[in-house]
Amino acid sequence: MKNRMPFFTLWTALMAILCAAAFSLTVETAAAGETPQTSSSQPAWIELLKRHPYPYLIPIPEPRPTELDGAYTRIVVSPVERVHCLRCPDYAPEGGVWKLSLNKGVFRIFHVESGWKSIGTFIVSGDRLLLANDPNCVDGVGLYRWQLEKGQLVLETIDDPCAIKLRAMNLTQQPWMSCRPPNIEPLPRNK
């Protein structure tokens, strides 16, 4: 079993990198108004990127860039097989690929395998992240401490009662890998 662990970690990292690359391309293509070639779950993600949150609890923040803006992804390895349900709880921390977009005060989250998705607003102040206007939690807000380091977004719950605390469990169960390249310098051209 010990010999399989490095392979498993390497495989998970490789899958996350591939997923991040595909996710980044999808975000850029959708933002440009183009329709990318899609997998069976991609139309739902593209549609979510086009939607805007509703001000259930607080006004929609001004669309200003934040230090957290970007696309994030993660692969959750589940020890049990996913159980089919007709009305699964919101933010259930299911195994599989998760996508998170933070863009100018709007967050979008998507679970690829089930097609579950949500949208809301966020405000960043120092190392605090406030989530609000989520249709799954119209009467409450979530408060988190965040850290962005080495290409990973790590969230720590301060208080979030949303979806019987499943949103907090889901968002904090493991780091989110940034789909942002490590630098913005252009590649050198061969002459």
C-alpha atoms as a PDB file:
ATOM      1  CA  MET A   1       0.000   0.000   0.000  1.00  0.00           C
ATOM      2  CA  LYS A   2       2.882   2.370   0.769  1.00  0.00           C
ATOM      3  CA  ASN A   3       4.239   1.956  -2.772  1.00  0.00           C
ATOM      4  CA  ARG A   4       0.933   3.046  -4.312  1.00  0.00           C
ATOM      5  CA  MET A   5       0.681   6.327  -2.379  1.00  0.00           C
ATOM      6  CA  PRO A   6       3.326   8.310  -4.389  1.00  0.00           C
ATOM      7  CA  PHE A   7       1.717   7.146  -7.646  1.00  0.00           C
ATOM      8  CA  PHE A   8      -1.728   8.119  -6.363  1.00  0.00           C
ATOM      9  CA  THR A   9      -0.482  11.577  -5.299  1.00  0.00           C
ATOM     10  CA  LEU A  10       1.267  12.083  -8.644  1.00  0.00           C
ATOM     11  CA  TRP A  11      -1.828  10.946 -10.543  1.00  0.00           C
ATOM     12  CA  THR A  12      -4.070  13.311  -8.550  1.00  0.00           C
ATOM     13  CA  ALA A  13      -1.701  16.227  -9.146  1.00  0.00           C
ATOM     14  CA  LEU A  14      -1.525  15.459 -12.872  1.00  0.00           C
ATOM     15  CA  MET A  15      -5.310  15.234 -13.147  1.00  0.00           C
ATOM     16  CA  ALA A  16      -5.705  18.533 -11.303  1.00  0.00           C
ATOM     17  CA  ILE A  17      -3.246  20.246 -13.657  1.00  0.00           C
ATOM     18  CA  LEU A  18      -5.046  18.906 -16.726  1.00  0.00           C
ATOM     19  CA  CYS A  19      -8.393  19.917 -15.271  1.00  0.00           C
ATOM     20  CA  ALA A  20      -7.080  23.367 -14.425  1.00  0.00           C
ATOM     21  CA  ALA A  21      -5.825  23.893 -17.972  1.00  0.00           C
ATOM     22  CA  ALA A  22      -9.176  22.880 -19.474  1.00  0.00           C
ATOM     23  CA  PHE A  23     -11.038  24.971 -16.908  1.00  0.00           C
ATOM     24  CA  SER A  24      -8.943  28.067 -17.644  1.00  0.00           C
ATOM     25  CA  LEU A  25      -9.526  27.726 -21.376  1.00  0.00           C
ATOM     26  CA  THR A  26     -13.276  27.365 -20.812  1.00  0.00           C
ATOM     27  CA  VAL A  27     -13.426  30.515 -18.661  1.00  0.00           C
ATOM     28  CA  GLU A  28     -11.467  32.553 -21.209  1.00  0.00           C
ATOM     29  CA  THR A  29     -13.553  31.295 -24.126  1.00  0.00           C
ATOM     30  CA  ALA A  30     -16.857  31.973 -22.323  1.00  0.00           C
ATOM     31  CA  ALA A  31     -15.690  35.441 -21.305  1.00  0.00           C
ATOM     32  CA  ALA A  32     -14.904  36.178 -24.956  1.00  0.00           C
ATOM     33  CA  GLY A  33     -18.479  35.209 -25.874  1.00  0.00           C
ATOM     34  CA  GLU A  34     -17.400  32.172 -27.882  1.00  0.00           C
ATOM     35  CA  THR A  35     -18.816  28.688 -27.538  1.00  0.00           C
ATOM     36  CA  PRO A  36     -16.063  26.151 -26.797  1.00  0.00           C
ATOM     37  CA  GLN A  37     -16.166  22.487 -27.673  1.00  0.00           C
ATOM     38  CA  THR A  38     -17.852  20.954 -24.678  1.00  0.00           C
ATOM     39  CA  SER A  39     -18.126  17.779 -22.683  1.00  0.00           C
ATOM     40  CA  SER A  40     -21.520  16.732 -21.338  1.00  0.00           C
ATOM     41  CA  SER A  41     -21.140  18.996 -18.268  1.00  0.00           C
ATOM     42  CA  GLN A  42     -19.611  21.982 -20.032  1.00  0.00           C
ATOM     43  CA  PRO A  43     -22.869  23.585 -21.243  1.00  0.00           C
ATOM     44  CA  ALA A  44     -24.049  23.906 -17.631  1.00  0.00           C
ATOM     45  CA  TRP A  45     -20.743  25.520 -16.604  1.00  0.00           C
ATOM     46  CA  ILE A  46     -20.778  27.909 -19.581  1.00  0.00           C
ATOM     47  CA  GLU A  47     -24.363  28.894 -18.753  1.00  0.00           C
ATOM     48  CA  LEU A  48     -23.440  29.488 -15.102  1.00  0.00           C
ATOM     49  CA  LEU A  49     -20.569  31.789 -16.171  1.00  0.00           C
ATOM     50  CA  LYS A  50     -23.102  33.929 -18.055  1.00  0.00           C
ATOM     51  CA  ARG A  51     -25.505  34.291 -15.098  1.00  0.00           C
ATOM     52  CA  HIS A  52     -25.543  37.078 -12.523  1.00  0.00           C
ATOM     53  CA  PRO A  53     -26.422  36.754  -8.830  1.00  0.00           C
ATOM     54  CA  TYR A  54     -29.584  38.197  -7.301  1.00  0.00           C
ATOM     55  CA  PRO A  55     -29.296  40.541  -4.271  1.00  0.00           C
ATOM     56  CA  TYR A  56     -31.204  38.352  -1.802  1.00  0.00           C
ATOM     57  CA  LEU A  57     -29.625  39.776   1.338  1.00  0.00           C
ATOM     58  CA  ILE A  58     -27.138  42.517   0.502  1.00  0.00           C
ATOM     59  CA  PRO A  59     -26.618  44.737  -2.565  1.00  0.00           C
ATOM     60  CA  ILE A  60     -24.485  43.327  -5.359  1.00  0.00           C
ATOM     61  CA  PRO A  61     -20.923  44.660  -4.898  1.00  0.00           C
ATOM     62  CA  GLU A  62     -19.435  46.961  -7.518  1.00  0.00           C
ATOM     63  CA  PRO A  63     -17.649  44.796 -10.119  1.00  0.00           C
ATOM     64  CA  ARG A  64     -14.060  45.528  -9.084  1.00  0.00           C
ATOM     65  CA  PRO A  65     -11.101  43.172  -9.401  1.00  0.00           C
ATOM     66  CA  THR A  66      -9.976  41.473  -6.176  1.00  0.00           C
ATOM     67  CA  GLU A  67      -6.796  39.632  -5.264  1.00  0.00           C
ATOM     68  CA  LEU A  68      -8.756  36.365  -5.270  1.00  0.00           C
ATOM     69  CA  ASP A  69     -10.174  36.750  -8.771  1.00  0.00           C
ATOM     70  CA  GLY A  70      -9.471  33.690 -10.838  1.00  0.00           C
ATOM     71  CA  ALA A  71     -10.452  30.162 -11.638  1.00  0.00           C
ATOM     72  CA  TYR A  72      -9.817  27.340  -9.193  1.00  0.00           C
ATOM     73  CA  THR A  73     -10.357  23.611  -9.307  1.00  0.00           C
ATOM     74  CA  ARG A  74      -9.871  20.518  -7.218  1.00  0.00           C
ATOM     75  CA  ILE A  75     -10.415  16.795  -7.461  1.00  0.00           C
ATOM     76  CA  VAL A  76     -12.034  15.238  -4.409  1.00  0.00           C
ATOM     77  CA  VAL A  77     -11.346  11.550  -4.035  1.00  0.00           C
ATOM     78  CA  SER A  78     -14.320   9.945  -2.343  1.00  0.00           C
ATOM     79  CA  PRO A  79     -13.860   6.744  -0.342  1.00  0.00           C
ATOM     80  CA  VAL A  80     -17.420   5.691  -1.165  1.00  0.00           C
ATOM     81  CA  GLU A  81     -19.401   5.437  -4.369  1.00  0.00           C
ATOM     82  CA  ARG A  82     -21.775   8.328  -5.075  1.00  0.00           C
ATOM     83  CA  VAL A  83     -25.361   7.497  -4.146  1.00  0.00           C
ATOM     84  CA  HIS A  84     -28.109   8.566  -6.527  1.00  0.00           C
ATOM     85  CA  CYS A  85     -30.601  10.907  -4.900  1.00  0.00           C
ATOM     86  CA  LEU A  86     -33.553  12.867  -6.218  1.00  0.00           C
ATOM     87  CA  ARG A  87     -32.978  15.857  -3.933  1.00  0.00           C
ATOM     88  CA  CYS A  88     -29.377  15.883  -2.811  1.00  0.00           C
ATOM     89  CA  PRO A  89     -28.430  18.430  -0.163  1.00  0.00           C
ATOM     90  CA  ASP A  90     -26.849  21.617  -1.482  1.00  0.00           C
ATOM     91  CA  TYR A  91     -23.067  21.785  -1.215  1.00  0.00           C
ATOM     92  CA  ALA A  92     -22.776  18.078  -0.428  1.00  0.00           C
ATOM     93  CA  PRO A  93     -19.011  17.429  -0.482  1.00  0.00           C
ATOM     94  CA  GLU A  94     -19.171  14.841  -3.265  1.00  0.00           C
ATOM     95  CA  GLY A  95     -16.154  13.231  -4.860  1.00  0.00           C
ATOM     96  CA  GLY A  96     -15.062  14.302  -8.313  1.00  0.00           C
ATOM     97  CA  VAL A  97     -14.065  17.520 -10.043  1.00  0.00           C
ATOM     98  CA  TRP A  98     -15.156  20.850  -8.557  1.00  0.00           C
ATOM     99  CA  LYS A  99     -14.758  24.233 -10.263  1.00  0.00           C
ATOM    100  CA  LEU A 100     -14.782  27.612  -8.514  1.00  0.00           C
ATOM    101  CA  SER A 101     -14.764  31.003 -10.194  1.00  0.00           C
ATOM    102  CA  LEU A 102     -14.187  34.212  -8.249  1.00  0.00           C
ATOM    103  CA  ASN A 103     -14.603  37.227 -10.513  1.00  0.00           C
ATOM    104  CA  LYS A 104     -15.095  40.861  -9.477  1.00  0.00           C
ATOM    105  CA  GLY A 105     -17.374  40.109  -6.536  1.00  0.00           C
ATOM    106  CA  VAL A 106     -19.244  37.139  -8.057  1.00  0.00           C
ATOM    107  CA  PHE A 107     -18.568  33.518  -7.101  1.00  0.00           C
ATOM    108  CA  ARG A 108     -19.691  30.509  -9.076  1.00  0.00           C
ATOM    109  CA  ILE A 109     -19.213  26.885  -8.022  1.00  0.00           C
ATOM    110  CA  PHE A 110     -19.863  23.736 -10.054  1.00  0.00           C
ATOM    111  CA  HIS A 111     -19.616  19.980  -9.446  1.00  0.00           C
ATOM    112  CA  VAL A 112     -18.862  18.363 -12.808  1.00  0.00           C
ATOM    113  CA  GLU A 113     -20.170  14.852 -12.137  1.00  0.00           C
ATOM    114  CA  SER A 114     -23.579  15.802 -10.727  1.00  0.00           C
ATOM    115  CA  GLY A 115     -24.069  19.111 -12.530  1.00  0.00           C
ATOM    116  CA  TRP A 116     -24.855  20.821  -9.209  1.00  0.00           C
ATOM    117  CA  LYS A 117     -24.060  24.550  -9.267  1.00  0.00           C
ATOM    118  CA  SER A 118     -24.521  27.766  -7.368  1.00  0.00           C
ATOM    119  CA  ILE A 119     -23.784  31.469  -7.682  1.00  0.00           C
ATOM    120  CA  GLY A 120     -23.522  34.378  -5.275  1.00  0.00           C
ATOM    121  CA  THR A 121     -21.501  37.417  -4.333  1.00  0.00           C
ATOM    122  CA  PHE A 122     -18.305  37.824  -2.375  1.00  0.00           C
ATOM    123  CA  ILE A 123     -16.447  40.629  -0.667  1.00  0.00           C
ATOM    124  CA  VAL A 124     -12.752  40.506   0.245  1.00  0.00           C
ATOM    125  CA  SER A 125     -11.411  42.557   3.140  1.00  0.00           C
ATOM    126  CA  GLY A 126      -7.872  41.764   4.264  1.00  0.00           C
ATOM    127  CA  ASP A 127      -7.684  38.030   4.873  1.00  0.00           C
ATOM    128  CA  ARG A 128     -11.491  37.731   5.190  1.00  0.00           C
ATOM    129  CA  LEU A 129     -13.893  36.489   2.534  1.00  0.00           C
ATOM    130  CA  LEU A 130     -17.638  37.100   2.887  1.00  0.00           C
ATOM    131  CA  LEU A 131     -20.044  35.015   0.775  1.00  0.00           C
ATOM    132  CA  ALA A 132     -23.628  36.213   0.314  1.00  0.00           C
ATOM    133  CA  ASN A 133     -26.637  36.196  -2.030  1.00  0.00           C
ATOM    134  CA  ASP A 134     -26.402  32.454  -2.616  1.00  0.00           C
ATOM    135  CA  PRO A 135     -29.791  31.055  -3.728  1.00  0.00           C
ATOM    136  CA  ASN A 136     -29.147  28.043  -1.479  1.00  0.00           C
ATOM    137  CA  CYS A 137     -28.732  30.287   1.589  1.00  0.00           C
ATOM    138  CA  VAL A 138     -30.745  33.453   0.940  1.00  0.00           C
ATOM    139  CA  ASP A 139     -30.957  34.476   4.608  1.00  0.00           C
ATOM    140  CA  GLY A 140     -27.336  34.095   5.629  1.00  0.00           C
ATOM    141  CA  VAL A 141     -23.742  34.916   4.874  1.00  0.00           C
ATOM    142  CA  GLY A 142     -20.558  32.917   5.199  1.00  0.00           C
ATOM    143  CA  LEU A 143     -17.362  34.320   6.629  1.00  0.00           C
ATOM    144  CA  TYR A 144     -13.994  32.716   5.883  1.00  0.00           C
ATOM    145  CA  ARG A 145     -10.317  33.382   6.390  1.00  0.00           C
ATOM    146  CA  TRP A 146      -8.385  32.900   3.157  1.00  0.00           C
ATOM    147  CA  GLN A 147      -4.778  32.332   2.169  1.00  0.00           C
ATOM    148  CA  LEU A 148      -3.425  32.233  -1.370  1.00  0.00           C
ATOM    149  CA  GLU A 149      -0.041  30.575  -1.475  1.00  0.00           C
ATOM    150  CA  LYS A 150       1.937  28.541  -4.005  1.00  0.00           C
ATOM    151  CA  GLY A 151      -0.968  28.435  -6.441  1.00  0.00           C
ATOM    152  CA  GLN A 152      -3.483  27.196  -3.883  1.00  0.00           C
ATOM    153  CA  LEU A 153      -6.434  28.947  -2.265  1.00  0.00           C
ATOM    154  CA  VAL A 154      -6.993  27.699   1.273  1.00  0.00           C
ATOM    155  CA  LEU A 155     -10.220  28.656   3.034  1.00  0.00           C
ATOM    156  CA  GLU A 156     -10.859  28.375   6.762  1.00  0.00           C
ATOM    157  CA  THR A 157     -14.390  28.725   8.118  1.00  0.00           C
ATOM    158  CA  ILE A 158     -15.046  31.453  10.641  1.00  0.00           C
ATOM    159  CA  ASP A 159     -18.836  31.135  10.450  1.00  0.00           C
ATOM    160  CA  ASP A 160     -21.118  29.769   7.734  1.00  0.00           C
ATOM    161  CA  PRO A 161     -24.454  28.129   8.555  1.00  0.00           C
ATOM    162  CA  CYS A 162     -25.373  27.723   4.854  1.00  0.00           C
ATOM    163  CA  ALA A 163     -26.936  24.396   3.864  1.00  0.00           C
ATOM    164  CA  ILE A 164     -26.619  22.911   7.352  1.00  0.00           C
ATOM    165  CA  LYS A 165     -22.935  23.925   7.278  1.00  0.00           C
ATOM    166  CA  LEU A 166     -22.268  21.848   4.164  1.00  0.00           C
ATOM    167  CA  ARG A 167     -21.011  24.879   2.206  1.00  0.00           C
ATOM    168  CA  ALA A 168     -18.300  25.411   4.828  1.00  0.00           C
ATOM    169  CA  MET A 169     -17.406  21.712   4.847  1.00  0.00           C
ATOM    170  CA  ASN A 170     -17.235  21.636   1.063  1.00  0.00           C
ATOM    171  CA  LEU A 171     -15.215  24.802   0.531  1.00  0.00           C
ATOM    172  CA  THR A 172     -12.658  23.995   3.236  1.00  0.00           C
ATOM    173  CA  GLN A 173     -12.159  20.238   2.865  1.00  0.00           C
ATOM    174  CA  GLN A 174      -9.037  20.687   0.729  1.00  0.00           C
ATOM    175  CA  PRO A 175      -7.139  23.514  -1.034  1.00  0.00           C
ATOM    176  CA  TRP A 176      -8.351  24.880  -4.358  1.00  0.00           C
ATOM    177  CA  MET A 177      -5.704  24.831  -7.104  1.00  0.00           C
ATOM    178  CA  SER A 178      -5.387  28.072  -9.034  1.00  0.00           C
ATOM    179  CA  CYS A 179      -5.730  27.886 -12.789  1.00  0.00           C
ATOM    180  CA  ARG A 180      -3.717  31.119 -13.058  1.00  0.00           C
ATOM    181  CA  PRO A 181      -0.270  30.659 -14.575  1.00  0.00           C
ATOM    182  CA  PRO A 182       2.618  31.258 -12.157  1.00  0.00           C
ATOM    183  CA  ASN A 183       3.726  34.350 -14.109  1.00  0.00           C
ATOM    184  CA  ILE A 184       2.494  36.623 -16.853  1.00  0.00           C
ATOM    185  CA  GLU A 185       5.744  36.975 -18.784  1.00  0.00           C
ATOM    186  CA  PRO A 186       5.432  36.041 -22.452  1.00  0.00           C
ATOM    187  CA  LEU A 187       7.250  32.988 -23.692  1.00  0.00           C
ATOM    188  CA  PRO A 188      10.427  33.775 -25.633  1.00  0.00           C
ATOM    189  CA  ARG A 189      10.049  33.492 -29.391  1.00  0.00           C
ATOM    190  CA  ASN A 190      12.436  31.491 -31.533  1.00  0.00           C
ATOM    191  CA  LYS A 191      13.850  33.534 -34.411  1.00  0.00           C
END
